[in-house]
Amino acid sequence: MSEDMEGSFETEGVHKQFMFLNRKAPYGTIYALEVLEMILISAAFEQNTNVVFMDDGVYQIRKGMDTKPVNMKNFSPTYRILEAEKEDADEDPDAEMKWRLIVEKESMEARGLTPEDFIIEVEVLPAKQVGELMAEMDVILGG
């Protein structure tokens, strides 16, 4: 491999704005689990991460999920790792990355939910502000 090629994969000091959109119900498809796995992988690269729950995606972080009727493992406790990543980033003055966990207000209210219904602490933003935040992103991934 040439010297030029070796440097092409350098990521130290590179910080991008990532947004992960969670728009699907937690079970019945693989979308929710796939997005969660993308978020966890991205955490290893210390990038600015914005995780947004909207539409039926707000159910992914709802307390008291019972998955026995659908015969699937309940992976919702894994979302607490996201909250821990956010806390670590907030508490480390040397950390250059920022984490935000966001629920779109209209999606939450349309489903009769409140912030107290979620297993993690979230920011609740109206759709307009979520849209403005999207415009600031370098990368948007979702499912």
Foldseek 3Di string as FASTA:
>chain_A
DDPVVVVVPDCVPPEFEEEEEQADAPDPDCFVVVSLVVVVVVLVSLYAYEYEQAHNSVNLFFPPDDCVVVPDDNPSVVCVVLQVSQVVQVPDPPRPYHYAYEYAQVRQVVVVHDQVRGPHRHHYHHPVVVVVVVVRGPYYHYD
